[in-house]
Amino acid sequence: MTGTILTTETSDPNSDRILEQNELIRNENLVTQRPDLHWSLSLPEFEYHMLIRKNPDLGSPDSGISTRAWKKYIASSESRPYRVTG
């Protein structure tokens, strides 16, 4: 098949609960950044693994590569539902 795009969507049963919790944490400012603590995202396990498949650098064994990839992802609008900080 030429020119055909196949897409699929699979949902983690915990996704809705986690996304709702993330929104509450953001809206209530329940997480504050500290110099020694940087919690930015909360992802359902399935979506974490899908992110790694989509962006292999996120799972790189090289900490420099993975750190840069995570910072880029966190700064992107795609990470918004998973953010627990502004």
Protein backbone atom coordinates (compact mmCIF):
# COMPACT_ATOMS: atom_id res chain seq x y z
CA MET A 1 0.00 0.00 0.00
CA THR A 2 1.44 3.29 -1.03
CA GLY A 3 0.45 6.49 0.74
CA THR A 4 -1.55 4.73 3.43
CA ILE A 5 -1.14 5.82 7.02
CA LEU A 6 -2.09 3.39 9.73
CA THR A 7 -2.57 4.71 13.24
CA THR A 8 -3.62 3.09 16.43
CA GLU A 9 -4.39 4.31 19.90
CA THR A 10 -4.02 2.13 22.96
CA SER A 11 -4.85 3.44 26.37
CA ASP A 12 -3.30 2.51 29.66
CA PRO A 13 -6.10 1.85 32.17
CA ASN A 14 -4.38 4.25 34.58
CA SER A 15 -3.93 7.06 32.05
CA ASP A 16 -7.05 9.05 32.88
CA ARG A 17 -6.40 8.88 36.62
CA ILE A 18 -2.75 9.91 36.20
CA LEU A 19 -3.57 12.76 33.81
CA GLU A 20 -6.28 14.06 36.17
CA GLN A 21 -3.85 13.85 39.07
CA ASN A 22 -1.20 15.73 37.07
CA GLU A 23 -3.68 18.50 36.30
CA LEU A 24 -4.62 18.80 39.98
CA ILE A 25 -0.96 18.93 41.01
CA ARG A 26 -0.27 21.67 38.43
CA ASN A 27 -3.37 23.71 39.25
CA GLU A 28 -2.84 23.54 43.02
CA ASN A 29 0.94 24.13 42.76
CA LEU A 30 1.50 21.05 44.90
CA VAL A 31 5.02 20.49 43.55
CA THR A 32 7.59 23.20 43.95
CA GLN A 33 11.00 23.04 42.34
CA ARG A 34 13.98 22.85 44.62
CA PRO A 35 17.63 22.99 43.60
CA ASP A 36 18.13 19.35 44.66
CA LEU A 37 14.81 17.98 43.34
CA HIS A 38 13.52 18.13 39.80
CA TRP A 39 10.27 16.23 39.41
CA SER A 40 8.67 17.38 36.18
CA LEU A 41 6.59 14.56 34.70
CA SER A 42 4.29 11.75 35.73
CA LEU A 43 3.63 9.25 32.96
CA PRO A 44 1.61 6.05 32.78
CA GLU A 45 3.99 3.12 32.22
CA PHE A 46 2.60 2.26 28.80
CA GLU A 47 3.01 5.82 27.56
CA TYR A 48 6.56 5.94 28.95
CA HIS A 49 7.47 2.89 26.87
CA MET A 50 5.78 4.36 23.80
CA LEU A 51 7.79 7.57 24.26
CA ILE A 52 11.02 5.59 24.40
CA ARG A 53 10.06 3.78 21.19
CA LYS A 54 9.18 7.07 19.48
CA ASN A 55 12.24 8.93 20.85
CA PRO A 56 15.04 6.38 21.42
CA ASP A 57 17.38 9.06 22.84
CA LEU A 58 15.11 9.26 25.91
CA GLY A 59 16.18 5.74 26.82
CA SER A 60 19.83 6.12 25.82
CA PRO A 61 22.33 4.52 28.20
CA ASP A 62 24.45 7.65 27.70
CA SER A 63 23.26 10.00 30.45
CA GLY A 64 24.24 13.10 28.45
CA ILE A 65 22.13 12.03 25.48
CA SER A 66 19.14 10.99 27.60
CA THR A 67 19.28 14.16 29.72
CA ARG A 68 19.27 16.39 26.63
CA ALA A 69 16.43 14.35 25.11
CA TRP A 70 14.30 14.56 28.29
CA LYS A 71 14.90 18.32 28.61
CA LYS A 72 13.84 18.78 24.98
CA TYR A 73 10.74 16.62 25.50
CA ILE A 74 9.78 18.39 28.74
CA ALA A 75 10.05 21.76 26.97
CA SER A 76 7.78 20.56 24.14
CA SER A 77 4.01 21.02 24.13
CA GLU A 78 3.68 17.22 23.74
CA SER A 79 4.66 16.79 27.40
CA ARG A 80 1.94 19.11 28.73
CA PRO A 81 -0.50 16.39 29.94
CA TYR A 82 2.29 14.68 31.86
CA ARG A 83 3.77 17.75 33.54
CA VAL A 84 3.34 18.22 37.25
CA THR A 85 5.05 21.60 37.26
CA GLY A 86 4.13 24.67 35.24
